[in-house]
Amino acid sequence: MKGINVDSLIGHVFKLWMRNKKQILDEFGLTSPQFDVLSAICYLGNRKKEIIQIDLSEETGIDPMTISTILRNLEKNDIITRVRGTINTRVVYVELTEKGNNLYNTASSKMSICCNNIYRNIDEKNLTSQLLVLSNELNKLNN
C-alpha cells in the first residue's frame, strides 16, 4: 500500500460509490437527495406519528429550502403527500403514498443487495471503525 495517496483513494471510492448509487436510483426515477429524503421519511415515520419538513432537514442535513423543492417534486410524482396543519398552517406534514412506499421499499432493497455485494470481502467492523475516526477528525476541523 506504500505510495497510495489516501485523499485520492477516498475521492475515487466516493465517486465510484455515487456512480453506482446513481445507476440504481435512475432505475426508479430518483435522485440521491430524493432517496435520502424518502429514507428519512421512513426512519422518522417509524418513530413519530407526524413528520414535518424541518424534521427532514435535520435528519438529512439538507437545508429546508432544498427539502421543500425535493418534496414538491416527489409530490408531483405521487410519491409523497403534504398536508398543511389545521392549527398551525405554517406546518406541513409529510407522508409516503402507497406508490411511494412501494417505490422506496423496492429501491431500498436493491441498494441493500448492492451494498451486501460490495461489502462481502470487506471487514465491515474495521472499516466502520476507521471511518468513524476519520469522521470525528473532520468534525473537529469543521467546528
C-alpha atoms as a PDB file:
ATOM      1  CA  MET A   1       0.000   0.000   0.000  1.00  0.00           C
ATOM      2  CA  LYS A   2       3.037   2.262   0.057  1.00  0.00           C
ATOM      3  CA  GLY A   3       2.684   5.225  -2.246  1.00  0.00           C
ATOM      4  CA  ILE A   4      -1.134   5.361  -2.241  1.00  0.00           C
ATOM      5  CA  ASN A   5      -2.467   8.849  -1.628  1.00  0.00           C
ATOM      6  CA  VAL A   6      -5.298   8.465   0.912  1.00  0.00           C
ATOM      7  CA  ASP A   7      -7.030  11.643  -0.264  1.00  0.00           C
ATOM      8  CA  SER A   8      -7.116  10.429  -3.865  1.00  0.00           C
ATOM      9  CA  LEU A   9      -8.308   6.989  -2.804  1.00  0.00           C
ATOM     10  CA  ILE A  10     -11.149   8.400  -0.705  1.00  0.00           C
ATOM     11  CA  GLY A  11     -12.167  10.663  -3.599  1.00  0.00           C
ATOM     12  CA  HIS A  12     -12.021   7.766  -6.067  1.00  0.00           C
ATOM     13  CA  VAL A  13     -14.060   5.440  -3.818  1.00  0.00           C
ATOM     14  CA  PHE A  14     -16.629   8.192  -3.234  1.00  0.00           C
ATOM     15  CA  LYS A  15     -17.013   8.813  -6.989  1.00  0.00           C
ATOM     16  CA  LEU A  16     -17.470   5.118  -7.668  1.00  0.00           C
ATOM     17  CA  TRP A  17     -19.937   4.789  -4.804  1.00  0.00           C
ATOM     18  CA  MET A  18     -22.027   7.743  -6.023  1.00  0.00           C
ATOM     19  CA  ARG A  19     -21.938   6.500  -9.626  1.00  0.00           C
ATOM     20  CA  ASN A  20     -23.188   3.085  -8.508  1.00  0.00           C
ATOM     21  CA  LYS A  21     -25.887   4.633  -6.325  1.00  0.00           C
ATOM     22  CA  LYS A  22     -26.989   6.862  -9.212  1.00  0.00           C
ATOM     23  CA  GLN A  23     -27.274   3.886 -11.573  1.00  0.00           C
ATOM     24  CA  ILE A  24     -29.537   2.072  -9.137  1.00  0.00           C
ATOM     25  CA  LEU A  25     -31.673   5.110  -8.326  1.00  0.00           C
ATOM     26  CA  ASP A  26     -32.005   6.021 -12.022  1.00  0.00           C
ATOM     27  CA  GLU A  27     -33.945   2.758 -12.457  1.00  0.00           C
ATOM     28  CA  PHE A  28     -36.544   4.176 -10.070  1.00  0.00           C
ATOM     29  CA  GLY A  29     -36.506   7.754 -11.357  1.00  0.00           C
ATOM     30  CA  LEU A  30     -34.993   9.017  -8.094  1.00  0.00           C
ATOM     31  CA  THR A  31     -32.057  11.263  -7.314  1.00  0.00           C
ATOM     32  CA  SER A  32     -29.756  10.610  -4.372  1.00  0.00           C
ATOM     33  CA  PRO A  33     -31.192  13.517  -2.323  1.00  0.00           C
ATOM     34  CA  GLN A  34     -34.738  12.289  -3.046  1.00  0.00           C
ATOM     35  CA  PHE A  35     -33.786   8.816  -1.862  1.00  0.00           C
ATOM     36  CA  ASP A  36     -32.210  10.322   1.274  1.00  0.00           C
ATOM     37  CA  VAL A  37     -35.427  12.232   1.997  1.00  0.00           C
ATOM     38  CA  LEU A  38     -37.550   9.111   1.442  1.00  0.00           C
ATOM     39  CA  SER A  39     -35.217   7.208   3.783  1.00  0.00           C
ATOM     40  CA  ALA A  40     -35.669   9.925   6.404  1.00  0.00           C
ATOM     41  CA  ILE A  41     -39.460   9.829   5.991  1.00  0.00           C
ATOM     42  CA  CYS A  42     -39.430   6.074   6.606  1.00  0.00           C
ATOM     43  CA  TYR A  43     -36.998   6.343   9.508  1.00  0.00           C
ATOM     44  CA  LEU A  44     -38.899   9.154  11.203  1.00  0.00           C
ATOM     45  CA  GLY A  45     -42.268   7.575  10.388  1.00  0.00           C
ATOM     46  CA  ASN A  46     -41.285   4.564  12.452  1.00  0.00           C
ATOM     47  CA  ARG A  47     -40.528   6.813  15.425  1.00  0.00           C
ATOM     48  CA  LYS A  48     -43.175   9.503  15.432  1.00  0.00           C
ATOM     49  CA  LYS A  49     -46.693   9.990  14.185  1.00  0.00           C
ATOM     50  CA  GLU A  50     -46.276  13.230  12.299  1.00  0.00           C
ATOM     51  CA  ILE A  51     -43.293  14.293  10.193  1.00  0.00           C
ATOM     52  CA  ILE A  52     -42.762  17.934   9.306  1.00  0.00           C
ATOM     53  CA  GLN A  53     -40.362  19.382   6.753  1.00  0.00           C
ATOM     54  CA  ILE A  54     -37.913  20.692   9.345  1.00  0.00           C
ATOM     55  CA  ASP A  55     -37.592  17.145  10.750  1.00  0.00           C
ATOM     56  CA  LEU A  56     -36.460  16.001   7.304  1.00  0.00           C
ATOM     57  CA  SER A  57     -33.973  18.844   7.052  1.00  0.00           C
ATOM     58  CA  GLU A  58     -32.477  17.968  10.430  1.00  0.00           C
ATOM     59  CA  GLU A  59     -32.363  14.227   9.681  1.00  0.00           C
ATOM     60  CA  THR A  60     -30.759  14.552   6.232  1.00  0.00           C
ATOM     61  CA  GLY A  61     -28.596  17.641   6.706  1.00  0.00           C
ATOM     62  CA  ILE A  62     -30.266  19.190   3.643  1.00  0.00           C
ATOM     63  CA  ASP A  63     -31.313  22.826   4.021  1.00  0.00           C
ATOM     64  CA  PRO A  64     -35.069  23.477   4.415  1.00  0.00           C
ATOM     65  CA  MET A  65     -35.482  25.294   1.076  1.00  0.00           C
ATOM     66  CA  THR A  66     -33.945  22.357  -0.807  1.00  0.00           C
ATOM     67  CA  ILE A  67     -36.126  19.943   1.189  1.00  0.00           C
ATOM     68  CA  SER A  68     -39.150  21.927   0.051  1.00  0.00           C
ATOM     69  CA  THR A  69     -38.090  21.614  -3.610  1.00  0.00           C
ATOM     70  CA  ILE A  70     -37.409  17.881  -3.252  1.00  0.00           C
ATOM     71  CA  LEU A  71     -40.791  17.346  -1.602  1.00  0.00           C
ATOM     72  CA  ARG A  72     -42.570  19.352  -4.298  1.00  0.00           C
ATOM     73  CA  ASN A  73     -41.047  17.095  -6.969  1.00  0.00           C
ATOM     74  CA  LEU A  74     -41.867  13.921  -5.027  1.00  0.00           C
ATOM     75  CA  GLU A  75     -45.427  15.147  -4.558  1.00  0.00           C
ATOM     76  CA  LYS A  76     -45.780  15.842  -8.309  1.00  0.00           C
ATOM     77  CA  ASN A  77     -44.869  12.198  -8.916  1.00  0.00           C
ATOM     78  CA  ASP A  78     -47.399  10.951  -6.328  1.00  0.00           C
ATOM     79  CA  ILE A  79     -44.638   9.559  -4.100  1.00  0.00           C
ATOM     80  CA  ILE A  80     -45.493  11.651  -1.040  1.00  0.00           C
ATOM     81  CA  THR A  81     -48.343  13.795   0.210  1.00  0.00           C
ATOM     82  CA  ARG A  82     -48.004  17.083   2.055  1.00  0.00           C
ATOM     83  CA  VAL A  83     -50.796  18.426   4.213  1.00  0.00           C
ATOM     84  CA  ARG A  84     -50.853  21.807   5.936  1.00  0.00           C
ATOM     85  CA  GLY A  85     -51.578  21.746   9.644  1.00  0.00           C
ATOM     86  CA  THR A  86     -55.059  22.841  10.640  1.00  0.00           C
ATOM     87  CA  ILE A  87     -53.977  24.569  13.847  1.00  0.00           C
ATOM     88  CA  ASN A  88     -50.660  25.960  12.619  1.00  0.00           C
ATOM     89  CA  THR A  89     -50.905  26.416   8.846  1.00  0.00           C
ATOM     90  CA  ARG A  90     -47.148  27.041   8.590  1.00  0.00           C
ATOM     91  CA  VAL A  91     -46.558  23.389   9.477  1.00  0.00           C
ATOM     92  CA  VAL A  92     -46.561  20.910   6.584  1.00  0.00           C
ATOM     93  CA  TYR A  93     -46.933  17.207   7.388  1.00  0.00           C
ATOM     94  CA  VAL A  94     -45.310  14.690   5.058  1.00  0.00           C
ATOM     95  CA  GLU A  95     -46.029  11.022   4.399  1.00  0.00           C
ATOM     96  CA  LEU A  96     -45.425   8.425   1.724  1.00  0.00           C
ATOM     97  CA  THR A  97     -48.214   7.424  -0.624  1.00  0.00           C
ATOM     98  CA  GLU A  98     -48.770   3.730  -1.319  1.00  0.00           C
ATOM     99  CA  LYS A  99     -46.893   4.199  -4.604  1.00  0.00           C
ATOM    100  CA  GLY A 100     -44.089   5.977  -2.739  1.00  0.00           C
ATOM    101  CA  ASN A 101     -43.878   3.270  -0.110  1.00  0.00           C
ATOM    102  CA  ASN A 102     -43.639   0.542  -2.764  1.00  0.00           C
ATOM    103  CA  LEU A 103     -41.067   2.533  -4.747  1.00  0.00           C
ATOM    104  CA  TYR A 104     -38.936   3.220  -1.693  1.00  0.00           C
ATOM    105  CA  ASN A 105     -39.061  -0.384  -0.473  1.00  0.00           C
ATOM    106  CA  THR A 106     -38.020  -1.720  -3.881  1.00  0.00           C
ATOM    107  CA  ALA A 107     -35.226   0.845  -4.330  1.00  0.00           C
ATOM    108  CA  SER A 108     -34.021   0.351  -0.757  1.00  0.00           C
ATOM    109  CA  SER A 109     -33.952  -3.415  -1.217  1.00  0.00           C
ATOM    110  CA  LYS A 110     -31.896  -3.078  -4.391  1.00  0.00           C
ATOM    111  CA  MET A 111     -29.497  -0.693  -2.622  1.00  0.00           C
ATOM    112  CA  SER A 112     -29.116  -3.192   0.251  1.00  0.00           C
ATOM    113  CA  ILE A 113     -28.332  -6.051  -2.139  1.00  0.00           C
ATOM    114  CA  CYS A 114     -25.742  -3.873  -3.849  1.00  0.00           C
ATOM    115  CA  CYS A 115     -24.156  -2.924  -0.514  1.00  0.00           C
ATOM    116  CA  ASN A 116     -24.041  -6.547   0.613  1.00  0.00           C
ATOM    117  CA  ASN A 117     -22.254  -7.457  -2.617  1.00  0.00           C
ATOM    118  CA  ILE A 118     -19.787  -4.599  -2.241  1.00  0.00           C
ATOM    119  CA  TYR A 119     -19.025  -5.382   1.412  1.00  0.00           C
ATOM    120  CA  ARG A 120     -18.814  -9.174   1.079  1.00  0.00           C
ATOM    121  CA  ASN A 121     -14.974  -9.144   1.044  1.00  0.00           C
ATOM    122  CA  ILE A 122     -14.524  -6.272   3.489  1.00  0.00           C
ATOM    123  CA  ASP A 123     -14.040  -6.323   7.253  1.00  0.00           C
ATOM    124  CA  GLU A 124     -17.002  -4.017   7.939  1.00  0.00           C
ATOM    125  CA  LYS A 125     -16.227  -3.562  11.645  1.00  0.00           C
ATOM    126  CA  ASN A 126     -12.693  -2.393  10.881  1.00  0.00           C
ATOM    127  CA  LEU A 127     -13.839  -0.161   8.016  1.00  0.00           C
ATOM    128  CA  THR A 128     -16.597   1.334  10.159  1.00  0.00           C
ATOM    129  CA  SER A 129     -14.149   1.964  12.976  1.00  0.00           C
ATOM    130  CA  GLN A 130     -11.700   3.735  10.676  1.00  0.00           C
ATOM    131  CA  LEU A 131     -14.431   5.798   9.017  1.00  0.00           C
ATOM    132  CA  LEU A 132     -15.702   6.901  12.436  1.00  0.00           C
ATOM    133  CA  VAL A 133     -12.202   8.064  13.354  1.00  0.00           C
ATOM    134  CA  LEU A 134     -11.987   9.977  10.068  1.00  0.00           C
ATOM    135  CA  SER A 135     -15.457  11.463  10.582  1.00  0.00           C
ATOM    136  CA  ASN A 136     -14.569  12.611  14.105  1.00  0.00           C
ATOM    137  CA  GLU A 137     -11.360  14.258  12.883  1.00  0.00           C
ATOM    138  CA  LEU A 138     -13.213  16.049  10.087  1.00  0.00           C
ATOM    139  CA  ASN A 139     -15.913  17.184  12.531  1.00  0.00           C
ATOM    140  CA  LYS A 140     -13.200  18.713  14.747  1.00  0.00           C
ATOM    141  CA  LEU A 141     -11.962  20.746  11.763  1.00  0.00           C
ATOM    142  CA  ASN A 142     -15.466  21.966  10.923  1.00  0.00           C
ATOM    143  CA  ASN A 143     -16.378  23.142  14.437  1.00  0.00           C
END
